[in-house]
Protein backbone atom coordinates (compact mmCIF):
# COMPACT_ATOMS: atom_id res chain seq x y z
CA MET A 1 22.88 38.41 -30.06
CA LEU A 2 20.48 41.33 -30.36
CA GLU A 3 19.13 39.90 -33.60
CA HIS A 4 18.32 36.61 -31.85
CA LEU A 5 16.36 38.44 -29.18
CA LYS A 6 14.41 40.31 -31.85
CA ILE A 7 13.52 37.04 -33.56
CA ILE A 8 12.42 35.48 -30.26
CA ALA A 9 10.34 38.57 -29.41
CA LYS A 10 8.73 38.44 -32.86
CA VAL A 11 7.79 34.78 -32.33
CA PHE A 12 6.21 35.52 -28.95
CA ARG A 13 4.28 38.47 -30.43
CA ASN A 14 2.63 36.11 -32.87
CA ARG A 15 -0.86 35.67 -31.46
CA TYR A 16 -1.24 32.07 -32.69
CA PHE A 17 1.97 31.04 -30.97
CA SER A 18 0.99 32.87 -27.77
CA VAL A 19 -2.49 31.34 -27.68
CA THR A 20 -1.08 27.85 -28.37
CA LEU A 21 1.54 28.29 -25.64
CA PHE A 22 -1.13 29.51 -23.20
CA PHE A 23 -3.39 26.56 -24.14
CA PHE A 24 -0.68 23.96 -23.51
CA GLY A 25 0.34 25.67 -20.27
CA TRP A 26 -3.27 25.59 -19.14
CA LEU A 27 -3.58 21.89 -20.02
CA ILE A 28 -0.36 20.96 -18.24
CA PHE A 29 -0.84 22.89 -15.00
CA PHE A 30 -4.38 24.14 -14.42
CA ASP A 31 -6.93 21.96 -16.18
CA GLN A 32 -8.87 19.34 -14.20
CA THR A 33 -7.39 16.63 -16.43
CA SER A 34 -3.88 18.08 -16.35
CA ILE A 35 -0.80 15.96 -16.86
CA ILE A 36 0.32 16.57 -13.28
CA HIS A 37 -3.06 15.42 -11.96
CA ASP A 38 -2.93 12.38 -14.24
CA ILE A 39 0.52 11.40 -12.92
CA GLU A 40 -0.69 11.75 -9.31
CA LEU A 41 -3.70 9.56 -10.03
CA THR A 42 -1.53 6.93 -11.72
CA GLN A 43 0.73 6.79 -8.66
CA LYS A 44 -2.28 6.49 -6.38
CA VAL A 45 -3.67 3.62 -8.47
CA LYS A 46 -0.33 1.78 -8.19
CA GLN A 47 -0.33 2.32 -4.43
CA LEU A 48 -3.91 1.08 -4.09
CA LYS A 49 -3.15 -2.02 -6.19
CA ALA A 50 -0.21 -2.82 -3.91
CA GLN A 51 -2.45 -2.39 -0.86
CA LYS A 52 -5.07 -4.63 -2.45
CA LYS A 53 -2.50 -7.36 -3.04
CA PHE A 54 -1.26 -7.05 0.55
CA TYR A 55 -4.76 -7.30 2.01
CA GLU A 56 -5.64 -10.25 -0.22
CA LYS A 57 -2.58 -12.09 1.11
CA GLN A 58 -3.55 -11.16 4.67
CA THR A 59 -7.10 -12.41 4.05
CA GLU A 60 -5.77 -15.71 2.68
CA ALA A 61 -3.54 -16.19 5.71
CA VAL A 62 -6.31 -15.40 8.18
CA THR A 63 -8.75 -17.67 6.33
CA GLU A 64 -6.25 -20.54 6.51
CA GLN A 65 -5.75 -19.85 10.19
CA LEU A 66 -9.51 -19.81 10.77
CA LYS A 67 -9.94 -23.14 8.97
CA GLU A 68 -7.16 -24.65 11.05
CA LEU A 69 -8.69 -23.32 14.27
CA GLN A 70 -12.15 -24.61 13.39
CA THR A 71 -10.97 -28.11 12.48
CA ASN A 72 -8.28 -28.78 15.05
CA PRO A 73 -9.10 -28.31 18.77
CA THR A 74 -5.42 -28.60 19.70
CA ASN A 75 -4.60 -25.58 17.59
CA LEU A 76 -7.58 -23.72 19.01
CA GLU A 77 -6.23 -24.26 22.50
CA LYS A 78 -2.75 -23.19 21.42
CA PHE A 79 -4.17 -20.07 19.75
CA ALA A 80 -6.12 -19.10 22.87
CA ARG A 81 -3.05 -19.56 25.03
CA GLU A 82 -0.66 -17.62 22.78
CA LYS A 83 -2.87 -14.76 21.61
CA TYR A 84 -4.98 -14.19 24.70
CA PHE A 85 -2.65 -15.70 27.31
CA MET A 86 -5.36 -18.03 28.60
CA LYS A 87 -4.25 -20.77 30.95
CA LYS A 88 -5.54 -23.43 33.22
CA SER A 89 -5.66 -22.57 36.89
CA ASN A 90 -2.67 -24.71 37.87
CA GLU A 91 -0.17 -23.74 35.17
CA ASP A 92 1.91 -20.91 33.74
CA VAL A 93 2.03 -20.08 30.03
CA TYR A 94 5.25 -18.84 28.43
CA VAL A 95 5.21 -17.34 24.95
CA PHE A 96 8.53 -16.96 23.18
CA VAL A 97 8.95 -14.09 20.72
CA ASP A 98 11.86 -12.88 18.61
CA LYS A 99 13.35 -9.37 18.49
CA ASN A 100 10.50 -8.10 16.28
CA ASN A 101 7.83 -9.36 18.68
CA HIS A 102 6.82 -12.22 16.35
CA LEU A 103 5.92 -15.61 17.75
CA LEU A 104 8.66 -18.18 17.27
CA ASP A 105 6.15 -21.03 17.00
CA THR A 106 3.32 -21.03 14.45
CA LEU A 107 -0.12 -22.54 14.54
CA ASN A 108 0.88 -25.19 12.00
CA THR A 109 2.87 -27.22 14.54
CA GLU A 110 1.23 -29.74 16.82
CA ILE A 111 1.22 -29.36 20.60
CA LYS A 112 2.50 -32.49 22.35
């Protein structure tokens, strides 16, 4: 056991080994382009790509909704009533929502 410790101590006393170990330690933990920093940046890029995909889908949905509102006056009236609770002076407007506060009826259905 004591002989193993002497061998290990001899290896660590070798200046080339010590400098190489210090160099790799510096690269892994302290350098501006360290492995830890690189992993953090990779995770951030994945997160930003997911956000980009989400916002692209949201933009598509809103664009479709805008086209529908601009081309169909019935849907425009329905949108104004449901989103902004607008009504005519002689009527009441009821909006039905589910448990998650989402509208049960969408803009794609016709008002009769």
